[in-house]
Amino acid sequence: MKLDNYMHQFTGSSSSIGAKKVKFECTQLREHCRAGNGEGCKRTFQHLKKEYAILRKKLEVYFQFARQAGPVNKACRPK
């Protein structure tokens, strides 16, 4: 039950930032766990880890650019 709660939170968080692939894998994992499908859980967990790693790399690049750009109030608007 505790895993289901964590996966529910992770699904919601993924959805709120538009991480559709991570959200899909979270949903699949929850369904496999509820059905007692151990093999499905293992397989889907591996897919989830892969999609999470991809998302994390993309977010790291995004935040690196955001830090380089600096505060919004100091940014120059295009003319």
PDB file of N, CA and C in Angstrom:
ATOM      1  N   MET A   1       0.823  -1.197   0.000  1.00  0.00           N
ATOM      2  CA  MET A   1       0.000   0.000   0.000  1.00  0.00           C
ATOM      3  C   MET A   1       0.865   1.258   0.000  1.00  0.00           C
ATOM      4  N   LYS A   2       1.972   1.214   0.730  1.00  0.00           N
ATOM      5  CA  LYS A   2       2.851   2.375   0.796  1.00  0.00           C
ATOM      6  C   LYS A   2       3.441   2.686  -0.584  1.00  0.00           C
ATOM      7  N   LEU A   3       3.832   1.637  -1.320  1.00  0.00           N
ATOM      8  CA  LEU A   3       4.365   1.829  -2.668  1.00  0.00           C
ATOM      9  C   LEU A   3       3.325   2.487  -3.557  1.00  0.00           C
ATOM     10  N   ASP A   4       2.084   2.062  -3.447  1.00  0.00           N
ATOM     11  CA  ASP A   4       1.013   2.645  -4.259  1.00  0.00           C
ATOM     12  C   ASP A   4       0.864   4.135  -3.962  1.00  0.00           C
ATOM     13  N   ASN A   5       0.980   4.518  -2.698  1.00  0.00           N
ATOM     14  CA  ASN A   5       0.895   5.942  -2.338  1.00  0.00           C
ATOM     15  C   ASN A   5       2.036   6.739  -2.956  1.00  0.00           C
ATOM     16  N   TYR A   6       3.248   6.186  -2.895  1.00  0.00           N
ATOM     17  CA  TYR A   6       4.394   6.870  -3.502  1.00  0.00           C
ATOM     18  C   TYR A   6       4.222   6.988  -5.015  1.00  0.00           C
ATOM     19  N   MET A   7       3.764   5.911  -5.622  1.00  0.00           N
ATOM     20  CA  MET A   7       3.585   5.933  -7.076  1.00  0.00           C
ATOM     21  C   MET A   7       2.474   6.901  -7.470  1.00  0.00           C
ATOM     22  N   HIS A   8       1.455   7.012  -6.638  1.00  0.00           N
ATOM     23  CA  HIS A   8       0.382   7.977  -6.897  1.00  0.00           C
ATOM     24  C   HIS A   8       0.953   9.400  -6.881  1.00  0.00           C
ATOM     25  N   GLN A   9       1.776   9.704  -5.899  1.00  0.00           N
ATOM     26  CA  GLN A   9       2.401  11.031  -5.811  1.00  0.00           C
ATOM     27  C   GLN A   9       3.329  11.280  -6.995  1.00  0.00           C
ATOM     28  N   PHE A  10       4.112  10.280  -7.355  1.00  0.00           N
ATOM     29  CA  PHE A  10       5.051  10.412  -8.466  1.00  0.00           C
ATOM     30  C   PHE A  10       4.304  10.596  -9.785  1.00  0.00           C
ATOM     31  N   THR A  11       3.187   9.894  -9.933  1.00  0.00           N
ATOM     32  CA  THR A  11       2.356  10.046 -11.129  1.00  0.00           C
ATOM     33  C   THR A  11       1.836  11.475 -11.226  1.00  0.00           C
ATOM     34  N   GLY A  12       1.325  11.994 -10.128  1.00  0.00           N
ATOM     35  CA  GLY A  12       0.808  13.363 -10.115  1.00  0.00           C
ATOM     36  C   GLY A  12       1.882  14.393 -10.385  1.00  0.00           C
ATOM     37  N   SER A  13       3.042  14.213  -9.777  1.00  0.00           N
ATOM     38  CA  SER A  13       4.152  15.144  -9.994  1.00  0.00           C
ATOM     39  C   SER A  13       4.604  15.118 -11.446  1.00  0.00           C
ATOM     40  N   SER A  14       4.693  13.936 -12.008  1.00  0.00           N
ATOM     41  CA  SER A  14       5.098  13.795 -13.409  1.00  0.00           C
ATOM     42  C   SER A  14       4.098  14.463 -14.327  1.00  0.00           C
ATOM     43  N   SER A  15       2.842  14.267 -14.019  1.00  0.00           N
ATOM     44  CA  SER A  15       1.778  14.866 -14.824  1.00  0.00           C
ATOM     45  C   SER A  15       1.825  16.386 -14.763  1.00  0.00           C
ATOM     46  N   SER A  16       2.111  16.929 -13.592  1.00  0.00           N
ATOM     47  CA  SER A  16       2.087  18.386 -13.423  1.00  0.00           C
ATOM     48  C   SER A  16       3.190  19.092 -14.200  1.00  0.00           C
ATOM     49  N   ILE A  17       4.275  18.379 -14.530  1.00  0.00           N
ATOM     50  CA  ILE A  17       5.338  19.004 -15.320  1.00  0.00           C
ATOM     51  C   ILE A  17       5.334  18.524 -16.769  1.00  0.00           C
ATOM     52  N   GLY A  18       4.334  17.734 -17.140  1.00  0.00           N
ATOM     53  CA  GLY A  18       4.209  17.298 -18.529  1.00  0.00           C
ATOM     54  C   GLY A  18       5.098  16.127 -18.908  1.00  0.00           C
ATOM     55  N   ALA A  19       5.549  15.362 -17.937  1.00  0.00           N
ATOM     56  CA  ALA A  19       6.412  14.205 -18.201  1.00  0.00           C
ATOM     57  C   ALA A  19       5.528  12.998 -18.523  1.00  0.00           C
ATOM     58  N   LYS A  20       5.016  12.968 -19.744  1.00  0.00           N
ATOM     59  CA  LYS A  20       4.023  11.966 -20.134  1.00  0.00           C
ATOM     60  C   LYS A  20       4.546  10.535 -20.077  1.00  0.00           C
ATOM     61  N   LYS A  21       5.781  10.322 -20.497  1.00  0.00           N
ATOM     62  CA  LYS A  21       6.323   8.959 -20.498  1.00  0.00           C
ATOM     63  C   LYS A  21       6.527   8.445 -19.081  1.00  0.00           C
ATOM     64  N   VAL A  22       7.006   9.299 -18.201  1.00  0.00           N
ATOM     65  CA  VAL A  22       7.188   8.899 -16.801  1.00  0.00           C
ATOM     66  C   VAL A  22       5.824   8.622 -16.175  1.00  0.00           C
ATOM     67  N   LYS A  23       4.867   9.482 -16.446  1.00  0.00           N
ATOM     68  CA  LYS A  23       3.513   9.287 -15.914  1.00  0.00           C
ATOM     69  C   LYS A  23       2.934   7.958 -16.392  1.00  0.00           C
ATOM     70  N   PHE A  24       3.119   7.657 -17.675  1.00  0.00           N
ATOM     71  CA  PHE A  24       2.605   6.404 -18.228  1.00  0.00           C
ATOM     72  C   PHE A  24       3.219   5.204 -17.513  1.00  0.00           C
ATOM     73  N   GLU A  25       4.533   5.231 -17.330  1.00  0.00           N
ATOM     74  CA  GLU A  25       5.201   4.100 -16.669  1.00  0.00           C
ATOM     75  C   GLU A  25       4.759   3.978 -15.212  1.00  0.00           C
ATOM     76  N   CYS A  26       4.537   5.095 -14.545  1.00  0.00           N
ATOM     77  CA  CYS A  26       4.027   5.062 -13.166  1.00  0.00           C
ATOM     78  C   CYS A  26       2.658   4.395 -13.113  1.00  0.00           C
ATOM     79  N   THR A  27       1.804   4.782 -14.044  1.00  0.00           N
ATOM     80  CA  THR A  27       0.455   4.214 -14.102  1.00  0.00           C
ATOM     81  C   THR A  27       0.519   2.717 -14.369  1.00  0.00           C
ATOM     82  N   GLN A  28       1.381   2.320 -15.307  1.00  0.00           N
ATOM     83  CA  GLN A  28       1.535   0.895 -15.623  1.00  0.00           C
ATOM     84  C   GLN A  28       2.034   0.119 -14.406  1.00  0.00           C
ATOM     85  N   LEU A  29       3.008   0.693 -13.708  1.00  0.00           N
ATOM     86  CA  LEU A  29       3.564   0.021 -12.534  1.00  0.00           C
ATOM     87  C   LEU A  29       2.489  -0.182 -11.472  1.00  0.00           C
ATOM     88  N   ARG A  30       1.697   0.828 -11.236  1.00  0.00           N
ATOM     89  CA  ARG A  30       0.617   0.709 -10.248  1.00  0.00           C
ATOM     90  C   ARG A  30      -0.363  -0.392 -10.647  1.00  0.00           C
ATOM     91  N   GLU A  31      -0.699  -0.446 -11.934  1.00  0.00           N
ATOM     92  CA  GLU A  31      -1.641  -1.468 -12.407  1.00  0.00           C
ATOM     93  C   GLU A  31      -1.067  -2.870 -12.243  1.00  0.00           C
ATOM     94  N   HIS A  32       0.208  -3.047 -12.589  1.00  0.00           N
ATOM     95  CA  HIS A  32       0.835  -4.366 -12.436  1.00  0.00           C
ATOM     96  C   HIS A  32       0.899  -4.771 -10.965  1.00  0.00           C
ATOM     97  N   CYS A  33       1.221  -3.825 -10.100  1.00  0.00           N
ATOM     98  CA  CYS A  33       1.293  -4.131  -8.665  1.00  0.00           C
ATOM     99  C   CYS A  33      -0.073  -4.526  -8.117  1.00  0.00           C
ATOM    100  N   ARG A  34      -1.092  -3.787  -8.511  1.00  0.00           N
ATOM    101  CA  ARG A  34      -2.452  -4.105  -8.041  1.00  0.00           C
ATOM    102  C   ARG A  34      -2.906  -5.475  -8.520  1.00  0.00           C
ATOM    103  N   ALA A  35      -2.460  -5.866  -9.725  1.00  0.00           N
ATOM    104  CA  ALA A  35      -2.845  -7.161 -10.289  1.00  0.00           C
ATOM    105  C   ALA A  35      -1.976  -8.300  -9.757  1.00  0.00           C
ATOM    106  N   GLY A  36      -0.951  -7.963  -8.980  1.00  0.00           N
ATOM    107  CA  GLY A  36      -0.061  -8.996  -8.458  1.00  0.00           C
ATOM    108  C   GLY A  36       0.862  -9.569  -9.518  1.00  0.00           C
ATOM    109  N   ASN A  37       1.122  -8.802 -10.569  1.00  0.00           N
ATOM    110  CA  ASN A  37       1.961  -9.239 -11.676  1.00  0.00           C
ATOM    111  C   ASN A  37       3.414  -8.845 -11.399  1.00  0.00           C
ATOM    112  N   GLY A  38       4.145  -9.750 -10.760  1.00  0.00           N
ATOM    113  CA  GLY A  38       5.525  -9.470 -10.378  1.00  0.00           C
ATOM    114  C   GLY A  38       6.433  -9.188 -11.562  1.00  0.00           C
ATOM    115  N   GLU A  39       6.309  -9.979 -12.617  1.00  0.00           N
ATOM    116  CA  GLU A  39       7.139  -9.767 -13.808  1.00  0.00           C
ATOM    117  C   GLU A  39       6.822  -8.431 -14.461  1.00  0.00           C
ATOM    118  N   GLY A  40       5.540  -8.102 -14.532  1.00  0.00           N
ATOM    119  CA  GLY A  40       5.139  -6.813 -15.093  1.00  0.00           C
ATOM    120  C   GLY A  40       5.680  -5.661 -14.266  1.00  0.00           C
ATOM    121  N   CYS A  41       5.680  -5.828 -12.945  1.00  0.00           N
ATOM    122  CA  CYS A  41       6.227  -4.796 -12.049  1.00  0.00           C
ATOM    123  C   CYS A  41       7.708  -4.590 -12.308  1.00  0.00           C
ATOM    124  N   LYS A  42       8.459  -5.685 -12.389  1.00  0.00           N
ATOM    125  CA  LYS A  42       9.903  -5.582 -12.611  1.00  0.00           C
ATOM    126  C   LYS A  42      10.213  -4.923 -13.950  1.00  0.00           C
ATOM    127  N   ARG A  43       9.534  -5.382 -14.987  1.00  0.00           N
ATOM    128  CA  ARG A  43       9.768  -4.852 -16.333  1.00  0.00           C
ATOM    129  C   ARG A  43       9.418  -3.363 -16.400  1.00  0.00           C
ATOM    130  N   THR A  44       8.261  -3.017 -15.851  1.00  0.00           N
ATOM    131  CA  THR A  44       7.817  -1.627 -15.887  1.00  0.00           C
ATOM    132  C   THR A  44       8.705  -0.739 -15.024  1.00  0.00           C
ATOM    133  N   PHE A  45       9.184  -1.261 -13.907  1.00  0.00           N
ATOM    134  CA  PHE A  45      10.089  -0.482 -13.061  1.00  0.00           C
ATOM    135  C   PHE A  45      11.373  -0.142 -13.816  1.00  0.00           C
ATOM    136  N   GLN A  46      11.876  -1.083 -14.606  1.00  0.00           N
ATOM    137  CA  GLN A  46      13.068  -0.813 -15.421  1.00  0.00           C
ATOM    138  C   GLN A  46      12.777   0.273 -16.455  1.00  0.00           C
ATOM    139  N   HIS A  47      11.607   0.210 -17.088  1.00  0.00           N
ATOM    140  CA  HIS A  47      11.209   1.248 -18.048  1.00  0.00           C
ATOM    141  C   HIS A  47      11.090   2.600 -17.350  1.00  0.00           C
ATOM    142  N   LEU A  48      10.511   2.596 -16.162  1.00  0.00           N
ATOM    143  CA  LEU A  48      10.345   3.832 -15.394  1.00  0.00           C
ATOM    144  C   LEU A  48      11.703   4.448 -15.055  1.00  0.00           C
ATOM    145  N   LYS A  49      12.644   3.620 -14.627  1.00  0.00           N
ATOM    146  CA  LYS A  49      13.980   4.135 -14.316  1.00  0.00           C
ATOM    147  C   LYS A  49      14.629   4.758 -15.550  1.00  0.00           C
ATOM    148  N   LYS A  50      14.442   4.132 -16.701  1.00  0.00           N
ATOM    149  CA  LYS A  50      15.014   4.658 -17.950  1.00  0.00           C
ATOM    150  C   LYS A  50      14.392   6.007 -18.300  1.00  0.00           C
ATOM    151  N   GLU A  51      13.073   6.088 -18.263  1.00  0.00           N
ATOM    152  CA  GLU A  51      12.383   7.338 -18.602  1.00  0.00           C
ATOM    153  C   GLU A  51      12.706   8.442 -17.599  1.00  0.00           C
ATOM    154  N   TYR A  52      12.838   8.078 -16.340  1.00  0.00           N
ATOM    155  CA  TYR A  52      13.200   9.059 -15.316  1.00  0.00           C
ATOM    156  C   TYR A  52      14.602   9.613 -15.576  1.00  0.00           C
ATOM    157  N   ALA A  53      15.534   8.740 -15.944  1.00  0.00           N
ATOM    158  CA  ALA A  53      16.906   9.184 -16.228  1.00  0.00           C
ATOM    159  C   ALA A  53      16.928  10.148 -17.410  1.00  0.00           C
ATOM    160  N   ILE A  54      16.146   9.854 -18.442  1.00  0.00           N
ATOM    161  CA  ILE A  54      16.061  10.736 -19.607  1.00  0.00           C
ATOM    162  C   ILE A  54      15.491  12.087 -19.193  1.00  0.00           C
ATOM    163  N   LEU A  55      14.409  12.061 -18.430  1.00  0.00           N
ATOM    164  CA  LEU A  55      13.784  13.299 -17.959  1.00  0.00           C
ATOM    165  C   LEU A  55      14.753  14.105 -17.100  1.00  0.00           C
ATOM    166  N   ARG A  56      15.445  13.435 -16.215  1.00  0.00           N
ATOM    167  CA  ARG A  56      16.380  14.127 -15.323  1.00  0.00           C
ATOM    168  C   ARG A  56      17.468  14.854 -16.112  1.00  0.00           C
ATOM    169  N   LYS A  57      18.001  14.201 -17.143  1.00  0.00           N
ATOM    170  CA  LYS A  57      19.027  14.840 -17.974  1.00  0.00           C
ATOM    171  C   LYS A  57      18.470  16.081 -18.660  1.00  0.00           C
ATOM    172  N   LYS A  58      17.259  15.970 -19.183  1.00  0.00           N
ATOM    173  CA  LYS A  58      16.641  17.119 -19.853  1.00  0.00           C
ATOM    174  C   LYS A  58      16.413  18.270 -18.876  1.00  0.00           C
ATOM    175  N   LEU A  59      15.967  17.947 -17.675  1.00  0.00           N
ATOM    176  CA  LEU A  59      15.735  18.989 -16.677  1.00  0.00           C
ATOM    177  C   LEU A  59      17.044  19.625 -16.215  1.00  0.00           C
ATOM    178  N   GLU A  60      18.089  18.824 -16.104  1.00  0.00           N
ATOM    179  CA  GLU A  60      19.390  19.379 -15.719  1.00  0.00           C
ATOM    180  C   GLU A  60      19.865  20.403 -16.744  1.00  0.00           C
ATOM    181  N   VAL A  61      19.716  20.085 -18.033  1.00  0.00           N
ATOM    182  CA  VAL A  61      20.099  21.018 -19.098  1.00  0.00           C
ATOM    183  C   VAL A  61      19.242  22.276 -19.019  1.00  0.00           C
ATOM    184  N   TYR A  62      17.947  22.087 -18.839  1.00  0.00           N
ATOM    185  CA  TYR A  62      17.032  23.231 -18.745  1.00  0.00           C
ATOM    186  C   TYR A  62      17.434  24.167 -17.606  1.00  0.00           C
ATOM    187  N   PHE A  63      17.661  23.601 -16.431  1.00  0.00           N
ATOM    188  CA  PHE A  63      18.001  24.433 -15.277  1.00  0.00           C
ATOM    189  C   PHE A  63      19.391  25.053 -15.404  1.00  0.00           C
ATOM    190  N   GLN A  64      20.285  24.383 -16.093  1.00  0.00           N
ATOM    191  CA  GLN A  64      21.598  24.972 -16.340  1.00  0.00           C
ATOM    192  C   GLN A  64      21.446  26.226 -17.207  1.00  0.00           C
ATOM    193  N   PHE A  65      20.639  26.144 -18.266  1.00  0.00           N
ATOM    194  CA  PHE A  65      20.385  27.315 -19.103  1.00  0.00           C
ATOM    195  C   PHE A  65      19.680  28.418 -18.309  1.00  0.00           C
ATOM    196  N   ALA A  66      18.749  28.028 -17.464  1.00  0.00           N
ATOM    197  CA  ALA A  66      18.020  29.018 -16.665  1.00  0.00           C
ATOM    198  C   ALA A  66      18.969  29.757 -15.718  1.00  0.00           C
ATOM    199  N   ARG A  67      19.903  29.034 -15.122  1.00  0.00           N
ATOM    200  CA  ARG A  67      20.883  29.680 -14.240  1.00  0.00           C
ATOM    201  C   ARG A  67      21.785  30.631 -15.024  1.00  0.00           C
ATOM    202  N   GLN A  68      22.174  30.223 -16.229  1.00  0.00           N
ATOM    203  CA  GLN A  68      23.032  31.068 -17.061  1.00  0.00           C
ATOM    204  C   GLN A  68      22.307  32.332 -17.501  1.00  0.00           C
ATOM    205  N   ALA A  69      21.018  32.213 -17.746  1.00  0.00           N
ATOM    206  CA  ALA A  69      20.231  33.366 -18.197  1.00  0.00           C
ATOM    207  C   ALA A  69      20.093  34.398 -17.086  1.00  0.00           C
ATOM    208  N   GLY A  70      20.132  33.955 -15.863  1.00  0.00           N
ATOM    209  CA  GLY A  70      20.030  34.871 -14.735  1.00  0.00           C
ATOM    210  C   GLY A  70      18.593  35.204 -14.397  1.00  0.00           C
ATOM    211  N   PRO A  71      18.417  36.127 -13.468  1.00  0.00           N
ATOM    212  CA  PRO A  71      17.073  36.509 -13.025  1.00  0.00           C
ATOM    213  C   PRO A  71      16.259  37.128 -14.163  1.00  0.00           C
ATOM    214  N   VAL A  72      14.975  36.902 -14.128  1.00  0.00           N
ATOM    215  CA  VAL A  72      14.072  37.406 -15.166  1.00  0.00           C
ATOM    216  C   VAL A  72      14.100  38.922 -15.227  1.00  0.00           C
ATOM    217  N   ASN A  73      14.166  39.579 -14.090  1.00  0.00           N
ATOM    218  CA  ASN A  73      14.119  41.045 -14.084  1.00  0.00           C
ATOM    219  C   ASN A  73      15.368  41.678 -14.701  1.00  0.00           C
ATOM    220  N   LYS A  74      16.428  40.901 -14.900  1.00  0.00           N
ATOM    221  CA  LYS A  74      17.640  41.427 -15.534  1.00  0.00           C
ATOM    222  C   LYS A  74      17.769  40.985 -16.988  1.00  0.00           C
ATOM    223  N   ALA A  75      16.873  40.146 -17.436  1.00  0.00           N
ATOM    224  CA  ALA A  75      16.934  39.663 -18.817  1.00  0.00           C
ATOM    225  C   ALA A  75      16.514  40.767 -19.781  1.00  0.00           C
ATOM    226  N   CYS A  76      17.111  40.763 -20.944  1.00  0.00           N
ATOM    227  CA  CYS A  76      16.771  41.749 -21.980  1.00  0.00           C
ATOM    228  C   CYS A  76      15.689  41.176 -22.874  1.00  0.00           C
ATOM    229  N   ARG A  77      14.721  41.981 -23.148  1.00  0.00           N
ATOM    230  CA  ARG A  77      13.656  41.546 -24.049  1.00  0.00           C
ATOM    231  C   ARG A  77      14.070  41.829 -25.483  1.00  0.00           C
ATOM    232  N   PRO A  78      13.691  40.939 -26.399  1.00  0.00           N
ATOM    233  CA  PRO A  78      14.024  41.184 -27.806  1.00  0.00           C
ATOM    234  C   PRO A  78      13.322  42.432 -28.314  1.00  0.00           C
ATOM    235  N   LYS A  79      13.976  43.138 -29.209  1.00  0.00           N
ATOM    236  CA  LYS A  79      13.408  44.376 -29.765  1.00  0.00           C
ATOM    237  C   LYS A  79      12.697  44.114 -31.056  1.00  0.00           C
TER     238      LYS A  79
END
